[in-house]
Amino acid sequence: MNVVVMTGNLVKQELRYNAKGTPIGSGTIAVRRDYKNQNGEYETDFHNFVVIGKLSEIIANHVNKGDKFGIKGKLQNRVWEKENGEKRYFTEILVDGFDFPSKGSNNQSNTNASQGGQSSYTRDNDPFAGSGNSIDLSDDDLPF
């Protein structure tokens, strides 16, 4: 099983498009360790990530440098050979879902987005938003 879930702060991000027009995002997330070092301070790890498809545009439009957000994906290694024959390795998170912060808040939102349209509730797809109609329910209809 290869599943990675992290919450941290956006350090940097970049959005570009390949020759076919597919959006490709990349960036770095800073994640604080859960324990203190010998000096009593928390250390931070910086992890690279890549996002392919529409999700990369969503992240680029809704998460800014310094914002707290969460990512979900899988760990992958890329290997290539330099001209001198030396092998180089690059480890990154291939993101397939994320949680982004709500506007005007440093707290993480419950709004969730994921690759492939499998997101749960978001403000953009709420079927009851803006309808202005009340729903008649009796106390007997409630499960609690």
N, C-alpha and C. Protein backbone atom coordinates (compact mmCIF):
# COMPACT_ATOMS: atom_id res chain seq x y z
N MET A 1 0.84 -1.16 0.00
CA MET A 1 0.00 0.00 0.00
C MET A 1 0.90 1.23 0.00
N ASN A 2 0.57 2.22 -0.81
CA ASN A 2 1.35 3.45 -0.93
C ASN A 2 0.41 4.63 -0.79
N VAL A 3 0.23 5.13 0.44
CA VAL A 3 -0.66 6.26 0.70
C VAL A 3 0.08 7.25 1.59
N VAL A 4 0.05 8.51 1.20
CA VAL A 4 0.69 9.57 1.97
C VAL A 4 -0.37 10.64 2.24
N VAL A 5 -0.46 11.07 3.51
CA VAL A 5 -1.36 12.15 3.89
C VAL A 5 -0.55 13.12 4.75
N MET A 6 -0.53 14.40 4.37
CA MET A 6 0.24 15.41 5.09
C MET A 6 -0.55 16.70 5.21
N THR A 7 -0.34 17.38 6.32
CA THR A 7 -0.87 18.72 6.49
C THR A 7 0.30 19.62 6.84
N GLY A 8 0.38 20.74 6.15
CA GLY A 8 1.47 21.68 6.38
C GLY A 8 1.18 23.00 5.72
N ASN A 9 2.24 23.76 5.48
CA ASN A 9 2.11 25.08 4.87
C ASN A 9 2.78 25.08 3.50
N LEU A 10 2.13 25.77 2.56
CA LEU A 10 2.68 25.86 1.21
C LEU A 10 3.91 26.75 1.22
N VAL A 11 5.01 26.23 0.72
CA VAL A 11 6.26 26.98 0.63
C VAL A 11 6.37 27.64 -0.75
N LYS A 12 6.12 26.85 -1.78
CA LYS A 12 6.16 27.38 -3.15
C LYS A 12 5.33 26.47 -4.04
N GLN A 13 4.91 27.03 -5.17
CA GLN A 13 4.18 26.22 -6.15
C GLN A 13 4.38 26.82 -7.53
N GLU A 14 4.19 25.97 -8.52
CA GLU A 14 4.32 26.38 -9.91
C GLU A 14 3.26 25.63 -10.71
N LEU A 15 2.66 26.32 -11.66
CA LEU A 15 1.68 25.71 -12.55
C LEU A 15 2.16 25.91 -13.97
N ARG A 16 2.22 24.83 -14.73
CA ARG A 16 2.62 24.89 -16.14
C ARG A 16 1.73 23.94 -16.93
N TYR A 17 1.86 23.96 -18.21
CA TYR A 17 1.06 23.11 -19.09
C TYR A 17 1.99 22.36 -20.03
N ASN A 18 1.70 21.06 -20.24
CA ASN A 18 2.52 20.30 -21.16
C ASN A 18 2.08 20.59 -22.60
N ALA A 19 2.70 19.93 -23.57
CA ALA A 19 2.43 20.19 -24.99
C ALA A 19 0.98 19.89 -25.36
N LYS A 20 0.34 18.99 -24.64
CA LYS A 20 -1.07 18.65 -24.91
C LYS A 20 -2.04 19.58 -24.19
N GLY A 21 -1.52 20.50 -23.38
CA GLY A 21 -2.37 21.43 -22.65
C GLY A 21 -2.81 20.94 -21.29
N THR A 22 -2.27 19.83 -20.83
CA THR A 22 -2.61 19.30 -19.51
C THR A 22 -1.91 20.12 -18.43
N PRO A 23 -2.67 20.61 -17.44
CA PRO A 23 -2.03 21.36 -16.36
C PRO A 23 -1.22 20.44 -15.44
N ILE A 24 -0.03 20.92 -15.07
CA ILE A 24 0.86 20.18 -14.17
C ILE A 24 1.35 21.15 -13.11
N GLY A 25 1.02 20.85 -11.87
CA GLY A 25 1.46 21.69 -10.77
C GLY A 25 2.54 20.99 -9.97
N SER A 26 3.41 21.77 -9.39
CA SER A 26 4.43 21.22 -8.51
C SER A 26 4.67 22.23 -7.40
N GLY A 27 5.22 21.75 -6.31
CA GLY A 27 5.49 22.66 -5.20
C GLY A 27 6.13 21.96 -4.04
N THR A 28 6.19 22.69 -2.93
CA THR A 28 6.79 22.18 -1.70
C THR A 28 5.86 22.49 -0.54
N ILE A 29 5.67 21.50 0.33
CA ILE A 29 4.87 21.67 1.55
C ILE A 29 5.80 21.49 2.75
N ALA A 30 5.69 22.40 3.71
CA ALA A 30 6.48 22.34 4.95
C ALA A 30 5.62 21.67 6.02
N VAL A 31 6.13 20.58 6.59
CA VAL A 31 5.38 19.81 7.58
C VAL A 31 6.19 19.76 8.87
N ARG A 32 5.58 20.25 9.97
CA ARG A 32 6.25 20.25 11.27
C ARG A 32 6.23 18.85 11.85
N ARG A 33 7.35 18.43 12.38
CA ARG A 33 7.43 17.13 13.04
C ARG A 33 6.62 17.15 14.34
N ASP A 34 6.18 15.99 14.78
CA ASP A 34 5.33 15.88 15.97
C ASP A 34 6.12 15.89 17.28
N TYR A 35 7.42 15.93 17.22
CA TYR A 35 8.23 15.87 18.43
C TYR A 35 9.30 16.95 18.41
N LYS A 36 9.81 17.27 19.59
CA LYS A 36 10.83 18.31 19.71
C LYS A 36 12.22 17.68 19.68
N ASN A 37 13.19 18.43 19.19
CA ASN A 37 14.57 17.96 19.18
C ASN A 37 15.21 18.18 20.54
N GLN A 38 16.51 17.94 20.67
CA GLN A 38 17.20 18.06 21.96
C GLN A 38 17.19 19.48 22.50
N ASN A 39 17.00 20.46 21.62
CA ASN A 39 16.94 21.86 22.05
C ASN A 39 15.52 22.29 22.42
N GLY A 40 14.56 21.35 22.36
CA GLY A 40 13.19 21.67 22.70
C GLY A 40 12.42 22.38 21.59
N GLU A 41 12.93 22.28 20.36
CA GLU A 41 12.29 22.95 19.22
C GLU A 41 11.73 21.91 18.25
N TYR A 42 10.65 22.30 17.59
CA TYR A 42 10.10 21.46 16.53
C TYR A 42 10.90 21.69 15.25
N GLU A 43 11.19 20.61 14.54
CA GLU A 43 11.85 20.72 13.25
C GLU A 43 10.81 20.59 12.16
N THR A 44 11.15 21.03 10.98
CA THR A 44 10.23 21.01 9.84
C THR A 44 10.86 20.25 8.69
N ASP A 45 10.06 19.42 8.04
CA ASP A 45 10.48 18.72 6.83
C ASP A 45 9.82 19.38 5.63
N PHE A 46 10.54 19.45 4.53
CA PHE A 46 10.03 20.04 3.30
C PHE A 46 9.89 18.94 2.26
N HIS A 47 8.66 18.74 1.78
CA HIS A 47 8.37 17.67 0.84
C HIS A 47 7.91 18.25 -0.49
N ASN A 48 8.45 17.69 -1.57
CA ASN A 48 8.04 18.11 -2.91
C ASN A 48 6.80 17.33 -3.32
N PHE A 49 5.93 17.99 -4.09
CA PHE A 49 4.74 17.31 -4.60
C PHE A 49 4.51 17.71 -6.05
N VAL A 50 3.76 16.86 -6.75
CA VAL A 50 3.36 17.13 -8.12
C VAL A 50 1.88 16.78 -8.25
N VAL A 51 1.16 17.58 -9.03
CA VAL A 51 -0.27 17.39 -9.24
C VAL A 51 -0.52 17.48 -10.73
N ILE A 52 -1.25 16.51 -11.28
CA ILE A 52 -1.51 16.49 -12.72
C ILE A 52 -3.00 16.62 -12.96
N GLY A 53 -3.38 17.47 -13.90
CA GLY A 53 -4.79 17.63 -14.27
C GLY A 53 -5.43 18.84 -13.63
N LYS A 54 -6.74 18.86 -13.67
CA LYS A 54 -7.54 19.99 -13.18
C LYS A 54 -7.26 20.31 -11.72
N LEU A 55 -6.96 19.29 -10.94
CA LEU A 55 -6.66 19.50 -9.53
C LEU A 55 -5.50 20.46 -9.32
N SER A 56 -4.52 20.45 -10.23
CA SER A 56 -3.38 21.37 -10.11
C SER A 56 -3.83 22.82 -10.26
N GLU A 57 -4.79 23.09 -11.13
CA GLU A 57 -5.31 24.45 -11.30
C GLU A 57 -6.10 24.88 -10.07
N ILE A 58 -6.85 23.95 -9.48
CA ILE A 58 -7.63 24.27 -8.28
C ILE A 58 -6.70 24.66 -7.13
N ILE A 59 -5.65 23.88 -6.93
CA ILE A 59 -4.68 24.19 -5.87
C ILE A 59 -4.02 25.53 -6.14
N ALA A 60 -3.60 25.77 -7.38
CA ALA A 60 -2.93 27.02 -7.72
C ALA A 60 -3.84 28.23 -7.48
N ASN A 61 -5.14 28.07 -7.68
CA ASN A 61 -6.09 29.18 -7.53
C ASN A 61 -6.57 29.38 -6.10
N HIS A 62 -6.43 28.38 -5.23
CA HIS A 62 -7.01 28.48 -3.89
C HIS A 62 -6.02 28.39 -2.75
N VAL A 63 -4.79 28.01 -3.00
CA VAL A 63 -3.80 27.89 -1.93
C VAL A 63 -2.63 28.82 -2.24
N ASN A 64 -2.34 29.69 -1.29
CA ASN A 64 -1.25 30.66 -1.47
C ASN A 64 -0.09 30.35 -0.55
N LYS A 65 1.07 30.89 -0.86
CA LYS A 65 2.27 30.69 -0.06
C LYS A 65 1.97 30.99 1.40
N GLY A 66 2.34 30.07 2.28
CA GLY A 66 2.11 30.22 3.71
C GLY A 66 0.82 29.62 4.20
N ASP A 67 -0.14 29.36 3.31
CA ASP A 67 -1.43 28.78 3.72
C ASP A 67 -1.25 27.36 4.22
N LYS A 68 -2.03 27.02 5.25
CA LYS A 68 -2.06 25.64 5.73
C LYS A 68 -3.03 24.86 4.85
N PHE A 69 -2.61 23.69 4.40
CA PHE A 69 -3.46 22.82 3.59
C PHE A 69 -2.98 21.40 3.73
N GLY A 70 -3.80 20.46 3.30
CA GLY A 70 -3.45 19.05 3.39
C GLY A 70 -3.42 18.42 2.02
N ILE A 71 -2.55 17.45 1.85
CA ILE A 71 -2.50 16.71 0.59
C ILE A 71 -2.58 15.22 0.86
N LYS A 72 -3.11 14.50 -0.12
CA LYS A 72 -3.19 13.04 -0.07
C LYS A 72 -2.69 12.53 -1.41
N GLY A 73 -1.93 11.48 -1.39
CA GLY A 73 -1.42 10.93 -2.64
C GLY A 73 -0.56 9.72 -2.39
N LYS A 74 0.41 9.54 -3.28
CA LYS A 74 1.33 8.41 -3.12
C LYS A 74 2.75 8.89 -3.36
N LEU A 75 3.67 8.21 -2.72
CA LEU A 75 5.08 8.54 -2.84
C LEU A 75 5.64 7.88 -4.09
N GLN A 76 6.40 8.66 -4.85
CA GLN A 76 7.01 8.10 -6.06
C GLN A 76 8.45 8.62 -6.19
N ASN A 77 9.28 7.81 -6.83
CA ASN A 77 10.66 8.17 -7.11
C ASN A 77 10.86 8.29 -8.60
N ARG A 78 11.56 9.34 -9.00
CA ARG A 78 11.98 9.45 -10.40
C ARG A 78 13.48 9.25 -10.44
N VAL A 79 13.93 8.50 -11.41
CA VAL A 79 15.35 8.21 -11.56
C VAL A 79 15.77 8.61 -12.95
N TRP A 80 16.90 9.29 -13.07
CA TRP A 80 17.45 9.61 -14.38
C TRP A 80 18.97 9.56 -14.30
N GLU A 81 19.57 9.51 -15.45
CA GLU A 81 21.01 9.39 -15.53
C GLU A 81 21.60 10.67 -16.11
N LYS A 82 22.61 11.21 -15.43
CA LYS A 82 23.28 12.41 -15.91
C LYS A 82 24.19 12.05 -17.08
N GLU A 83 24.69 13.05 -17.76
CA GLU A 83 25.56 12.82 -18.92
C GLU A 83 26.79 12.00 -18.57
N ASN A 84 27.28 12.13 -17.34
CA ASN A 84 28.46 11.38 -16.91
C ASN A 84 28.13 9.97 -16.43
N GLY A 85 26.86 9.57 -16.54
CA GLY A 85 26.45 8.22 -16.15
C GLY A 85 25.99 8.10 -14.71
N GLU A 86 26.10 9.17 -13.94
CA GLU A 86 25.67 9.14 -12.55
C GLU A 86 24.15 9.14 -12.46
N LYS A 87 23.61 8.22 -11.63
CA LYS A 87 22.16 8.15 -11.45
C LYS A 87 21.73 9.20 -10.42
N ARG A 88 20.61 9.86 -10.70
CA ARG A 88 20.03 10.85 -9.81
C ARG A 88 18.62 10.40 -9.43
N TYR A 89 18.24 10.66 -8.19
CA TYR A 89 16.94 10.25 -7.69
C TYR A 89 16.19 11.47 -7.16
N PHE A 90 14.90 11.49 -7.37
CA PHE A 90 14.05 12.57 -6.88
C PHE A 90 12.78 11.94 -6.33
N THR A 91 12.50 12.19 -5.05
CA THR A 91 11.31 11.64 -4.40
C THR A 91 10.28 12.74 -4.25
N GLU A 92 9.03 12.43 -4.60
CA GLU A 92 7.96 13.42 -4.52
C GLU A 92 6.64 12.72 -4.22
N ILE A 93 5.65 13.51 -3.86
CA ILE A 93 4.31 13.00 -3.61
C ILE A 93 3.46 13.31 -4.84
N LEU A 94 2.86 12.28 -5.42
CA LEU A 94 1.93 12.45 -6.52
C LEU A 94 0.55 12.66 -5.89
N VAL A 95 0.06 13.88 -5.92
CA VAL A 95 -1.16 14.27 -5.20
C VAL A 95 -2.40 13.86 -5.99
N ASP A 96 -3.36 13.24 -5.27
CA ASP A 96 -4.65 12.93 -5.90
C ASP A 96 -5.82 13.51 -5.11
N GLY A 97 -5.54 14.24 -4.02
CA GLY A 97 -6.58 14.91 -3.26
C GLY A 97 -5.97 15.89 -2.29
N PHE A 98 -6.78 16.87 -1.87
CA PHE A 98 -6.27 17.84 -0.91
C PHE A 98 -7.42 18.50 -0.17
N ASP A 99 -7.08 19.11 0.97
CA ASP A 99 -7.99 19.96 1.73
C ASP A 99 -7.40 21.36 1.69
N PHE A 100 -8.22 22.34 1.39
CA PHE A 100 -7.69 23.70 1.35
C PHE A 100 -8.36 24.57 2.40
N PRO A 101 -7.66 25.64 2.79
CA PRO A 101 -8.18 26.49 3.87
C PRO A 101 -9.37 27.31 3.39
N SER A 102 -10.23 27.67 4.34
CA SER A 102 -11.34 28.55 4.00
C SER A 102 -10.82 29.97 3.90
N LYS A 103 -11.50 30.81 3.17
CA LYS A 103 -11.09 32.21 2.98
C LYS A 103 -11.13 32.93 4.31
N GLY A 104 -10.11 33.75 4.56
CA GLY A 104 -10.08 34.58 5.75
C GLY A 104 -9.80 33.83 7.03
N SER A 105 -9.26 32.62 6.92
CA SER A 105 -9.02 31.83 8.12
C SER A 105 -7.71 31.06 7.97
N ASN A 106 -7.00 30.93 9.07
CA ASN A 106 -5.80 30.11 9.06
C ASN A 106 -6.12 28.66 9.40
N ASN A 107 -7.38 28.39 9.75
CA ASN A 107 -7.78 27.03 10.08
C ASN A 107 -8.11 26.27 8.83
N GLN A 108 -7.92 24.98 8.89
CA GLN A 108 -8.23 24.13 7.75
C GLN A 108 -9.73 23.96 7.62
N SER A 109 -10.22 23.98 6.41
CA SER A 109 -11.64 23.85 6.15
C SER A 109 -12.01 22.39 5.99
N ASN A 110 -13.29 22.09 6.12
CA ASN A 110 -13.77 20.75 5.85
C ASN A 110 -14.06 20.55 4.38
N THR A 111 -13.85 21.57 3.58
CA THR A 111 -14.09 21.46 2.15
C THR A 111 -12.99 20.59 1.56
N ASN A 112 -13.37 19.63 0.74
CA ASN A 112 -12.42 18.65 0.23
C ASN A 112 -12.52 18.58 -1.27
N ALA A 113 -11.38 18.42 -1.93
CA ALA A 113 -11.37 18.23 -3.37
C ALA A 113 -10.46 17.04 -3.68
N SER A 114 -10.81 16.29 -4.70
CA SER A 114 -9.98 15.15 -5.08
C SER A 114 -9.99 14.99 -6.58
N GLN A 115 -9.01 14.26 -7.08
CA GLN A 115 -8.86 14.03 -8.52
C GLN A 115 -10.01 13.20 -9.05
N GLY A 116 -10.42 13.49 -10.25
CA GLY A 116 -11.40 12.65 -10.92
C GLY A 116 -12.83 12.88 -10.52
N GLY A 117 -13.13 14.02 -9.91
CA GLY A 117 -14.51 14.34 -9.59
C GLY A 117 -15.09 13.50 -8.46
N GLN A 118 -14.26 12.89 -7.64
CA GLN A 118 -14.76 12.06 -6.56
C GLN A 118 -14.83 12.82 -5.25
N SER A 119 -14.96 14.14 -5.34
CA SER A 119 -14.94 14.93 -4.13
C SER A 119 -16.24 14.75 -3.36
N SER A 120 -16.14 14.96 -2.06
CA SER A 120 -17.34 14.98 -1.25
C SER A 120 -17.92 16.39 -1.37
N TYR A 121 -18.60 16.86 -0.34
CA TYR A 121 -19.25 18.16 -0.38
C TYR A 121 -18.25 19.28 -0.63
N THR A 122 -18.56 20.20 -1.52
CA THR A 122 -17.85 21.46 -1.67
C THR A 122 -18.90 22.55 -1.80
N ARG A 123 -18.50 23.78 -1.53
CA ARG A 123 -19.43 24.89 -1.65
C ARG A 123 -19.94 25.05 -3.07
N ASP A 124 -19.13 24.64 -4.05
CA ASP A 124 -19.50 24.81 -5.45
C ASP A 124 -20.55 23.82 -5.92
N ASN A 125 -20.67 22.67 -5.25
CA ASN A 125 -21.64 21.68 -5.72
C ASN A 125 -22.77 21.43 -4.72
N ASP A 126 -23.03 22.38 -3.81
CA ASP A 126 -24.09 22.24 -2.83
C ASP A 126 -25.44 22.41 -3.52
N PRO A 127 -26.27 21.36 -3.60
CA PRO A 127 -27.54 21.47 -4.31
C PRO A 127 -28.55 22.37 -3.61
N PHE A 128 -28.32 22.70 -2.33
CA PHE A 128 -29.25 23.53 -1.59
C PHE A 128 -28.81 24.98 -1.48
N ALA A 129 -27.60 25.30 -1.96
CA ALA A 129 -27.09 26.66 -1.82
C ALA A 129 -27.92 27.64 -2.63
N GLY A 130 -28.29 28.73 -2.02
CA GLY A 130 -28.97 29.81 -2.72
C GLY A 130 -30.42 29.53 -3.07
N SER A 131 -30.97 28.39 -2.67
CA SER A 131 -32.35 28.10 -3.04
C SER A 131 -33.33 28.92 -2.23
N GLY A 132 -32.98 29.27 -0.99
CA GLY A 132 -33.82 30.09 -0.17
C GLY A 132 -35.06 29.39 0.34
N ASN A 133 -35.22 28.13 0.05
CA ASN A 133 -36.41 27.39 0.48
C ASN A 133 -36.12 26.67 1.79
N SER A 134 -37.06 26.69 2.69
CA SER A 134 -36.90 25.94 3.93
C SER A 134 -37.41 24.52 3.71
N ILE A 135 -36.97 23.63 4.57
CA ILE A 135 -37.37 22.23 4.47
C ILE A 135 -38.22 21.92 5.69
N ASP A 136 -39.42 21.40 5.46
CA ASP A 136 -40.31 21.02 6.56
C ASP A 136 -39.98 19.62 7.04
N LEU A 137 -39.55 19.53 8.29
CA LEU A 137 -39.26 18.25 8.91
C LEU A 137 -39.88 18.25 10.30
N SER A 138 -40.46 17.14 10.66
CA SER A 138 -40.95 17.03 12.03
C SER A 138 -39.85 16.39 12.88
N ASP A 139 -39.94 16.52 14.16
CA ASP A 139 -38.97 15.91 15.04
C ASP A 139 -38.94 14.39 14.89
N ASP A 140 -40.06 13.82 14.47
CA ASP A 140 -40.12 12.36 14.29
C ASP A 140 -39.29 11.90 13.10
N ASP A 141 -39.02 12.80 12.15
CA ASP A 141 -38.23 12.45 10.97
C ASP A 141 -36.73 12.43 11.24
N LEU A 142 -36.31 13.02 12.35
CA LEU A 142 -34.88 13.11 12.66
C LEU A 142 -34.41 11.82 13.32
N PRO A 143 -33.21 11.34 12.96
CA PRO A 143 -32.70 10.08 13.50
C PRO A 143 -32.12 10.20 14.90
N PHE A 144 -32.14 11.35 15.50
CA PHE A 144 -31.55 11.51 16.84
C PHE A 144 -32.47 12.21 17.80
